[in-house]
Protein backbone atom coordinates (compact mmCIF):
# COMPACT_ATOMS: atom_id res chain seq x y z
CA THR A 1 60.63 48.32 155.55
CA LYS A 2 62.86 45.71 153.98
CA MET A 3 59.85 43.42 153.52
CA GLN A 4 57.92 46.18 151.73
CA GLN A 5 60.91 46.78 149.44
CA GLN A 6 60.95 43.09 148.55
CA GLN A 7 57.21 43.15 147.93
CA GLN A 8 57.60 46.21 145.69
CA ARG A 9 60.30 44.49 143.65
CA ALA A 10 58.12 41.41 143.28
CA LEU A 11 55.16 43.50 142.11
CA VAL A 12 57.30 45.48 139.65
CA HIS A 13 58.67 42.18 138.33
CA ASP A 14 55.07 40.99 137.94
CA LEU A 15 54.22 44.16 136.03
CA ARG A 16 57.14 43.65 133.67
CA SER A 17 56.09 40.07 132.98
CA LYS A 18 52.55 41.21 132.16
CA LEU A 19 53.88 43.88 129.80
CA GLN A 20 55.71 41.37 127.62
CA PRO A 21 53.04 39.44 125.70
CA GLY A 22 51.63 41.26 122.70
CA GLY A 23 52.42 44.79 123.86
CA GLY A 24 50.55 46.51 121.03
CA ASN A 25 48.23 43.83 119.69
CA GLY A 26 44.46 44.10 119.68
CA GLU A 27 43.91 41.86 122.70
CA ALA A 28 46.39 43.80 124.86
CA GLN A 29 44.68 47.03 123.81
CA SER A 30 41.20 45.74 124.70
CA LEU A 31 39.69 46.26 128.14
CA ALA A 32 39.69 42.55 128.89
CA GLY A 33 43.29 42.14 127.76
CA PHE A 34 44.42 45.14 129.82
CA ARG A 35 42.68 44.14 133.06
CA PRO A 36 45.50 41.94 134.50
CA LEU A 37 48.04 44.72 134.01
CA PHE A 38 45.69 47.33 135.49
CA ASP A 39 45.02 45.19 138.58
CA ALA A 40 48.75 44.58 139.04
CA VAL A 41 49.58 48.29 139.01
CA ARG A 42 46.71 49.00 141.46
CA ALA A 43 48.22 46.39 143.80
CA LEU A 44 51.55 48.21 143.60
CA VAL A 45 49.92 51.58 144.31
CA ALA A 46 48.13 50.10 147.35
CA LEU A 47 51.46 48.91 148.76
CA GLN A 48 53.42 52.11 148.15
CA ALA A 49 53.27 55.26 150.25
CA LYS A 50 50.34 57.52 149.38
CA ARG A 51 51.39 60.66 147.54
CA ARG A 52 50.74 63.79 149.56
CA GLU A 53 48.45 66.27 147.83
CA ALA A 54 48.60 69.88 148.97
CA ASP A 55 46.43 72.70 147.64
CA VAL A 56 48.26 75.59 146.05
CA GLY A 57 47.93 78.52 148.47
CA GLY A 58 48.16 82.24 147.89
CA ASP A 59 51.71 82.36 149.22
CA ALA A 60 52.84 79.80 146.63
CA VAL A 61 51.29 81.86 143.80
CA ALA A 62 52.89 85.10 145.06
CA GLU A 63 56.28 83.42 145.47
CA PHE A 64 56.11 81.89 141.99
CA THR A 65 55.09 85.21 140.42
CA ALA A 66 57.99 86.93 142.15
CA TRP A 67 60.39 84.16 141.07
CA PHE A 68 59.17 84.46 137.49
CA GLY A 69 59.87 88.20 137.41
CA GLN A 70 63.25 87.84 139.10
CA HIS A 71 64.33 85.40 136.39
CA GLY A 72 63.43 87.70 133.53
CA GLY A 73 59.85 86.63 132.87
CA THR A 74 57.12 89.17 132.12
CA LEU A 75 53.39 88.86 132.79
CA ARG A 76 51.45 91.85 131.43
CA SER A 77 47.94 92.88 132.50
CA ALA A 78 47.21 89.46 133.99
CA ARG A 79 47.77 87.40 137.12
CA LEU A 80 47.88 83.73 138.03
CA VAL A 81 44.72 82.48 139.73
CA THR A 82 43.97 79.10 141.32
CA GLY A 83 40.61 77.43 141.94
CA LEU A 84 39.14 77.99 138.47
CA SER A 85 36.96 75.29 136.90
CA GLU A 86 40.01 74.24 134.90
CA GLY A 87 42.35 74.56 137.90
CA ASN A 88 45.05 77.20 137.53
CA GLY A 89 44.72 79.94 134.90
CA LEU A 90 45.62 83.47 133.93
CA VAL A 91 43.05 86.24 134.55
CA ALA A 92 43.18 89.76 133.09
CA THR A 93 43.77 92.57 135.59
CA GLU A 94 42.69 95.15 133.00
CA THR A 95 41.30 95.11 129.48
CA ILE A 96 43.59 93.24 127.07
CA LYS A 97 43.27 93.68 123.32
CA ARG A 98 43.69 90.83 120.87
CA GLY A 99 47.36 90.63 119.88
CA ASP A 100 48.66 92.35 123.03
CA PHE A 101 51.72 90.71 124.58
CA VAL A 102 50.74 88.82 127.74
CA VAL A 103 53.54 86.39 128.65
CA THR A 104 57.27 86.50 127.88
CA VAL A 105 59.43 83.60 129.09
CA PRO A 106 63.25 83.52 128.83
CA VAL A 107 64.63 80.24 127.48
CA GLY A 108 66.88 80.00 130.53
CA ILE A 109 64.03 79.17 132.94
CA THR A 110 62.42 76.47 130.81
CA ILE A 111 62.94 72.81 131.72
CA SER A 112 63.91 70.97 128.55
CA GLU A 113 65.55 67.75 127.42
CA GLU A 114 68.81 69.67 127.43
CA THR A 115 68.25 70.83 131.00
CA VAL A 116 67.92 67.19 132.03
CA ALA A 117 70.96 66.13 129.97
CA LYS A 118 73.13 68.50 132.05
CA SER A 119 71.81 67.18 135.38
CA ALA A 120 72.58 64.17 137.54
CA VAL A 121 69.29 62.60 136.39
CA ALA A 122 70.90 61.88 133.02
CA GLN A 123 73.17 59.37 134.79
CA LEU A 124 70.21 57.15 135.60
CA VAL A 125 69.58 55.89 132.08
CA SER A 126 71.35 55.24 128.81
CA PRO A 127 71.22 57.82 125.97
CA PRO A 128 68.94 55.62 123.81
CA PHE A 129 66.24 55.61 126.53
CA ALA A 130 66.62 59.35 127.10
CA SER A 131 66.26 60.14 123.39
CA SER A 132 63.31 57.75 122.98
CA PHE A 133 61.37 59.05 126.00
CA PRO A 134 62.15 62.76 126.48
CA MET A 135 58.94 63.36 128.45
CA ALA A 136 59.88 60.56 130.84
CA MET A 137 63.25 62.20 131.44
CA ILE A 138 61.67 65.57 132.23
CA ALA A 139 59.21 63.81 134.58
CA LEU A 140 62.15 62.16 136.35
CA PHE A 141 63.89 65.54 136.60
CA LEU A 142 60.74 67.08 138.15
CA ILE A 143 60.71 64.40 140.85
CA ALA A 144 64.39 65.00 141.61
CA GLU A 145 63.90 68.77 141.78
CA LYS A 146 60.73 68.48 143.86
CA HIS A 147 62.74 66.74 146.59
CA ALA A 148 65.98 68.73 146.17
CA ALA A 149 67.01 71.06 148.99
CA ASN A 150 67.71 74.11 146.82
CA SER A 151 66.02 73.65 143.47
CA VAL A 152 66.06 76.61 141.07
CA TRP A 153 62.52 75.61 140.05
CA ALA A 154 61.11 75.09 143.57
CA GLN A 155 58.58 77.94 143.31
CA TYR A 156 57.41 76.74 139.89
CA ILE A 157 56.99 73.13 141.04
CA ARG A 158 54.98 74.27 144.09
CA VAL A 159 52.24 75.82 141.93
CA LEU A 160 51.87 72.84 139.60
CA PRO A 161 48.53 71.01 139.97
CA ALA A 162 48.47 68.36 142.69
CA THR A 163 46.00 66.15 140.80
CA PHE A 164 45.23 65.35 137.17
CA THR A 165 42.43 63.77 135.16
CA THR A 166 44.69 62.20 132.54
CA PRO A 167 44.25 58.48 131.70
CA LEU A 168 47.15 57.73 134.05
CA PHE A 169 44.73 58.28 136.95
CA PHE A 170 41.60 56.63 135.52
CA THR A 171 39.81 54.09 137.67
CA TRP A 172 38.58 50.89 136.04
CA SER A 173 35.00 52.19 135.92
CA GLU A 174 36.22 55.38 134.22
CA LEU A 175 38.03 53.33 131.57
CA GLN A 176 34.84 51.32 131.04
CA GLU A 177 33.01 54.55 130.21
CA LEU A 178 35.07 54.69 127.00
CA GLN A 179 33.84 51.34 125.64
CA GLY A 180 33.20 51.71 121.93
CA SER A 181 35.19 54.94 121.63
CA PRO A 182 38.32 54.96 119.43
CA ALA A 183 39.94 56.84 122.33
CA LEU A 184 39.88 53.75 124.55
CA SER A 185 42.84 52.06 122.87
CA ASP A 186 44.82 55.34 123.03
CA CYS A 187 44.12 55.64 126.78
CA ILE A 188 45.22 52.04 127.33
CA MET A 189 48.40 52.63 125.32
CA CYS A 190 49.08 55.77 127.35
CA LEU A 191 48.79 53.77 130.58
CA ARG A 192 50.86 50.87 129.24
CA THR A 193 53.65 53.26 128.23
CA CYS A 194 53.64 54.86 131.69
CA ILE A 195 53.82 51.43 133.35
CA PHE A 196 56.66 50.32 131.07
CA GLN A 197 58.63 53.47 131.81
CA TYR A 198 58.07 53.17 135.54
CA CYS A 199 59.24 49.54 135.63
CA PHE A 200 62.40 50.47 133.72
CA LEU A 201 63.12 53.56 135.83
CA PHE A 202 62.34 51.73 139.10
CA GLU A 203 65.51 49.68 138.66
CA ALA A 204 67.51 52.75 137.59
CA VAL A 205 66.43 54.80 140.60
CA ASN A 206 67.16 51.96 143.02
CA SER A 207 70.64 51.57 141.54
CA LYS A 208 71.53 55.23 142.27
CA PRO A 209 69.58 56.26 145.40
CA GLU A 210 71.71 59.36 145.84
CA ILE A 211 70.03 60.97 142.79
CA ILE A 212 66.40 60.16 143.64
CA ALA A 213 65.47 58.44 146.90
CA PRO A 214 63.73 55.14 146.01
CA GLU A 215 61.06 55.66 148.70
CA VAL A 216 59.73 58.78 146.92
CA PHE A 217 59.72 57.15 143.49
CA THR A 218 56.29 55.54 143.67
CA PHE A 219 54.05 54.82 140.69
CA GLU A 220 51.63 57.61 141.68
CA VAL A 221 54.47 60.13 141.96
CA TYR A 222 55.76 59.14 138.52
CA ALA A 223 52.23 59.29 137.03
CA TRP A 224 51.85 62.78 138.54
CA ALA A 225 55.18 63.99 137.10
CA LEU A 226 54.47 62.46 133.69
CA SER A 227 51.01 64.09 133.70
CA VAL A 228 52.67 67.46 134.39
CA VAL A 229 54.78 67.00 131.28
CA MET A 230 51.98 65.55 129.11
CA THR A 231 49.61 68.42 129.86
CA ARG A 232 52.10 71.32 129.75
CA GLN A 233 54.99 70.50 127.40
CA ASN A 234 55.67 72.27 124.15
CA MET A 235 58.37 72.15 121.50
CA ILE A 236 60.90 75.00 121.40
CA PRO A 237 64.10 75.49 119.38
CA SER A 238 67.07 73.63 120.81
CA VAL A 239 68.34 75.61 123.80
CA SER A 240 72.00 74.77 123.21
CA ASN A 241 72.02 76.80 120.00
CA ALA A 242 68.57 78.35 119.79
CA ALA A 243 69.44 81.06 117.25
CA ALA A 244 70.90 78.61 114.75
CA ALA A 245 68.19 76.04 115.43
CA ALA A 246 65.38 78.53 114.84
CA ALA A 247 66.93 79.81 111.61
CA ALA A 248 67.59 76.36 110.13
CA PRO A 249 65.32 75.05 107.33
CA SER A 250 64.37 72.14 109.60
CA PRO A 251 64.79 73.59 113.10
CA SER A 252 66.15 71.36 115.83
CA THR A 253 63.59 71.32 118.63
CA THR A 254 63.39 70.10 122.19
CA VAL A 255 60.51 69.20 124.52
CA ALA A 256 60.22 71.81 127.27
CA LEU A 257 58.13 73.00 130.20
CA ILE A 258 57.59 76.78 129.98
CA PRO A 259 56.79 78.34 133.38
CA MET A 260 53.82 80.78 133.54
CA TRP A 261 53.03 80.28 129.85
CA ASP A 262 51.84 76.78 130.75
CA MET A 263 49.27 78.16 133.19
CA CYS A 264 47.07 79.34 130.32
CA ASN A 265 43.96 77.29 129.47
CA HIS A 266 42.61 76.30 126.05
CA ALA A 267 39.99 77.89 123.79
CA ASN A 268 39.13 77.84 120.09
CA GLY A 269 41.21 80.14 117.92
CA GLU A 270 44.71 80.14 116.51
CA VAL A 271 48.19 79.63 117.91
CA THR A 272 49.49 82.96 119.26
CA THR A 273 52.82 81.80 120.70
CA PHE A 274 56.11 82.32 118.91
CA PHE A 275 59.84 82.16 119.59
CA ASP A 276 61.84 85.40 119.50
CA VAL A 277 65.26 84.36 118.20
CA ASP A 278 67.00 87.65 119.03
CA ALA A 279 65.64 87.92 122.57
CA GLN A 280 65.76 84.14 123.20
CA THR A 281 62.27 84.20 124.65
CA ILE A 282 58.91 82.51 124.17
CA GLN A 283 56.23 85.15 123.56
CA MET A 284 52.46 84.75 123.87
CA THR A 285 49.94 87.33 122.68
CA ALA A 286 46.24 87.54 123.57
CA LEU A 287 43.99 85.23 121.58
CA ARG A 288 41.10 87.70 121.70
CA ASP A 289 39.89 90.87 123.43
CA THR A 290 39.66 90.08 127.13
CA PRO A 291 37.95 92.35 129.68
CA ALA A 292 39.32 92.73 133.21
CA SER A 293 38.59 89.79 135.55
CA SER A 294 38.08 87.42 132.60
CA GLN A 295 40.32 84.48 131.86
CA VAL A 296 43.11 84.83 129.28
CA TYR A 297 43.14 81.82 126.93
CA MET A 298 45.48 80.30 124.40
CA HIS A 299 44.86 77.78 121.62
CA TYR A 300 46.51 74.37 122.10
CA GLY A 301 46.35 73.51 118.41
CA MET A 302 44.05 71.59 116.08
CA ARG A 303 43.15 68.69 118.37
CA THR A 304 40.08 66.50 118.58
CA ASN A 305 38.44 65.94 121.94
CA ALA A 306 39.89 62.43 122.02
CA ASP A 307 43.36 64.02 121.71
CA LEU A 308 42.54 66.49 124.46
CA LEU A 309 41.28 63.75 126.78
CA VAL A 310 44.25 61.42 126.24
CA ASN A 311 46.94 64.10 126.45
CA TYR A 312 45.42 66.78 128.69
CA GLY A 313 42.63 65.10 130.64
CA PHE A 314 39.70 67.27 129.53
CA VAL A 315 37.01 67.48 126.84
CA TYR A 316 36.15 70.83 125.22
CA GLU A 317 32.48 70.70 124.26
CA ASP A 318 32.61 73.57 121.73
CA ASN A 319 35.79 72.27 120.07
CA ALA A 320 35.87 73.62 116.51
CA ASN A 321 38.45 70.99 115.53
CA ASP A 322 36.57 68.00 116.89
CA GLY A 323 35.94 64.80 114.98
CA VAL A 324 36.23 61.02 115.21
CA SER A 325 39.65 59.63 114.42
CA ILE A 326 39.80 56.18 112.81
CA SER A 327 42.78 53.85 112.43
CA GLN A 328 43.40 52.15 109.09
CA HIS A 329 42.76 48.81 110.79
CA ASP A 330 39.26 49.96 111.73
CA LEU A 331 38.71 51.42 108.27
CA ALA A 332 39.64 48.14 106.60
CA ASP A 333 37.37 46.28 109.01
CA ALA A 334 34.45 48.63 108.27
CA VAL A 335 34.68 48.63 104.45
CA GLY A 336 35.94 45.06 104.11
CA ARG A 337 39.04 45.80 102.04
CA THR A 338 42.22 47.88 101.87
CA PRO A 339 43.73 50.12 99.16
CA ALA A 340 45.90 48.49 96.51
CA ALA A 341 49.57 48.01 97.43
CA ASP A 342 50.67 50.74 95.02
CA ASP A 343 48.19 53.32 96.35
CA LEU A 344 49.54 56.27 98.31
CA CYS A 345 47.44 55.29 101.36
CA SER A 346 49.24 51.96 101.66
CA HIS A 347 52.52 53.85 102.20
CA CYS A 348 51.14 55.78 105.21
CA PRO A 349 50.56 52.97 107.74
CA GLY A 350 50.41 55.33 110.73
CA ALA A 351 48.01 57.83 109.17
CA ARG A 352 44.46 57.97 110.51
CA GLY A 353 41.21 59.04 108.96
CA LEU A 354 39.10 61.75 110.55
CA ILE A 355 35.36 62.31 110.34
CA ARG A 356 34.92 66.00 111.16
CA LYS A 357 32.11 67.21 113.41
CA SER A 358 30.46 68.61 110.25
CA GLY A 359 30.21 65.03 108.96
CA GLU A 360 32.84 65.62 106.26
CA SER A 361 35.89 63.44 105.69
CA SER A 362 39.47 64.55 106.21
CA GLU A 363 41.71 64.55 103.12
CA PHE A 364 43.32 61.24 104.05
CA LEU A 365 39.98 59.55 104.80
CA ALA A 366 38.52 60.74 101.51
CA ARG A 367 41.59 59.45 99.64
CA TYR A 368 41.38 56.10 101.45
CA LEU A 369 37.69 55.62 100.64
CA ASP A 370 38.25 56.62 97.01
CA ALA A 371 41.12 54.13 96.80
CA VAL A 372 38.98 51.18 97.91
CA GLY A 373 35.73 52.06 96.19
CA GLY A 374 36.14 54.92 93.72
CA ALA A 375 35.09 58.54 94.18
CA GLY A 376 31.47 57.70 93.43
CA GLN A 377 31.33 55.30 96.37
CA ARG A 378 32.89 57.62 98.97
CA ALA A 379 29.66 58.72 100.66
CA LYS A 380 28.31 55.18 100.71
CA LEU A 381 31.50 53.77 102.22
CA LEU A 382 31.64 56.57 104.78
CA GLY A 383 28.10 55.66 105.82
CA ALA A 384 29.24 52.05 106.28
CA VAL A 385 32.18 53.19 108.40
CA CYS A 386 29.93 55.34 110.62
CA ALA A 387 27.37 52.55 111.05
CA LYS A 388 30.13 50.12 112.04
CA LEU A 389 31.64 52.54 114.56
CA LEU A 390 28.24 53.35 116.11
CA ALA A 391 27.54 49.63 116.52
CA ARG A 392 30.60 49.30 118.76
CA TYR A 393 29.16 51.49 121.52
CA PRO A 394 27.18 49.56 124.14
CA THR A 395 24.68 52.43 124.48
CA THR A 396 22.75 54.75 122.16
CA LEU A 397 23.26 58.48 121.73
CA GLN A 398 19.88 59.17 123.31
CA ALA A 399 20.74 57.08 126.37
CA ASP A 400 24.09 58.83 126.77
CA GLU A 401 22.56 62.29 126.42
CA ALA A 402 19.95 61.46 129.07
CA ARG A 403 22.59 60.11 131.43
CA LEU A 404 24.84 63.12 130.90
CA ALA A 405 21.95 65.47 131.69
CA ASP A 406 21.20 63.53 134.90
CA LEU A 407 24.81 63.04 135.98
CA LYS A 408 25.22 63.97 139.64
CA PRO A 409 27.65 66.71 140.69
CA THR A 410 29.47 64.06 142.73
CA ALA A 411 30.43 62.14 139.57
CA SER A 412 34.17 62.20 138.92
CA PRO A 413 35.51 64.65 136.30
CA SER A 414 36.89 61.70 134.29
CA THR A 415 33.49 59.98 134.24
CA ARG A 416 31.91 63.19 132.96
CA ASN A 417 34.68 63.65 130.39
CA ALA A 418 34.36 60.10 129.07
CA LEU A 419 30.57 60.33 128.83
CA LEU A 420 30.73 63.73 127.12
CA LEU A 421 33.31 62.37 124.65
CA ARG A 422 31.00 59.49 123.77
CA VAL A 423 28.10 61.89 123.18
CA LEU A 424 30.16 64.18 120.94
CA GLU A 425 31.61 61.26 118.96
CA LYS A 426 28.16 59.78 118.36
CA ARG A 427 26.74 63.13 117.27
CA THR A 428 29.55 63.42 114.72
CA LEU A 429 28.94 59.88 113.42
CA HIS A 430 25.18 60.46 113.16
CA THR A 431 25.81 63.73 111.29
CA ALA A 432 28.06 61.94 108.79
CA LEU A 433 25.61 59.06 108.50
CA ALA A 434 22.81 61.48 107.65
CA LEU A 435 24.90 62.79 104.74
CA ALA A 436 25.44 59.31 103.31
CA PRO A 437 22.98 57.96 100.69
CA ALA A 438 20.27 55.77 102.16
CA PRO A 439 20.69 52.06 101.35
CA ALA A 440 18.38 50.78 98.64
CA ALA A 441 15.15 49.37 100.02
CA ALA A 442 14.85 45.60 99.85
CA ALA A 443 12.39 44.38 97.21
CA THR A 444 9.12 42.85 98.45
CA PRO A 445 8.22 39.27 97.40
CA LYS A 446 5.60 40.67 94.99
CA LYS A 447 8.14 42.96 93.31
CA GLN A 448 10.66 40.11 93.12
CA GLN A 449 8.05 37.96 91.35
CA GLN A 450 7.28 40.76 88.88
CA ARG A 451 11.02 41.17 88.12
CA ARG A 452 11.37 37.41 87.45
CA LYS A 453 8.43 37.51 85.03
CA GLN A 454 9.90 40.52 83.21
CA LYS A 455 13.29 38.80 82.98
CA ALA A 456 11.71 35.61 81.63
CA LYS A 457 9.74 37.59 79.05
CA ARG A 458 12.90 39.35 77.84
CA SER A 459 14.72 36.03 77.57
CA ALA A 460 11.87 34.54 75.47
CA GLN A 461 12.05 37.46 73.05
């Protein structure tokens, strides 16, 4: 109704006003500082129409598989399956050997920045916004295509997950589960960015209702579309001139959604996807030997579990690349000083340190600690960093492990993910702390008295 439209505009205006003060400062990134903005967006969601969630049926999978083949895609010795623990996934129909070709996707059926630039959606915003937020543009394009009468990608969009466990859908209690974790500020920033984009695009969509109907452009719909892009996007050579882009010393790339390839779930290993310049296709080979009826996996890259949670909405317990990422602000706070102005570390303000799950320091973290204390003090300083980070958690590792073991099956996936992340982070910090030299024991009053007598005797001599 007209009244609801006015209420929506008022709430979006309220959101924009709450986004202004201190967008990236520490207070805005804290739970307490973020609460007013979170409550405001929940009020908007409560007012807007509820997004319809439909399960992906067998017909949708069959239609998408047929569409994929008709448009030049190839799926070898595998099929798309729904209802797995991870959601959708690819399952082997016969034994697949490591290195066998599994998925081949023609560039022409990807949805990229360039796809959006050629569509009516590009008319909604200015080029600077489009170039700054390519994932937002693809999300907007998905919404337009989802409600288009004859979308080329209709069958693909139908099999996309209806729900996500990314931070964009966290409840307040689920955010609270991350207290103490370095991932909390990243989750808040992810949500803030989504809210900022929605507020900006809300006005754009309402100004051109013939491109996207304003009534379908709710916050939940945008969060869903942005989650699709966050969890499935990859970089490919620029589609407009892929051959030249791929051959260039610094290839021009574009963010893209890659149908069928993006149905594959993550496992440890190595990247087995490459771009075939001559065929203009994305090719994926099997990560490992896979027997029939087993899931076919790919490797998403060297990401910590915090990265996986923020960007994909899951935590991988056996993650070989896991560790605790630390900002330079937190490092300086933990060790009490920063590298000298002429040190290499001071020229990398965005770089972060990483404590690996083995307890070892990443190259940058080691260099940072050496810069502030010397190579001989590295282990000691790392111990101080770990102790400081552990003190930030409101609970102990033992308490978290016990709670995780007793967590009911009815607990939300995001609650389980956040709790598991805390456990894994604390294990890493305890491992690193165990490698650090123990602090010198404080002298007893008797020993202090003996030292004073010895000092006095030496002075008399």
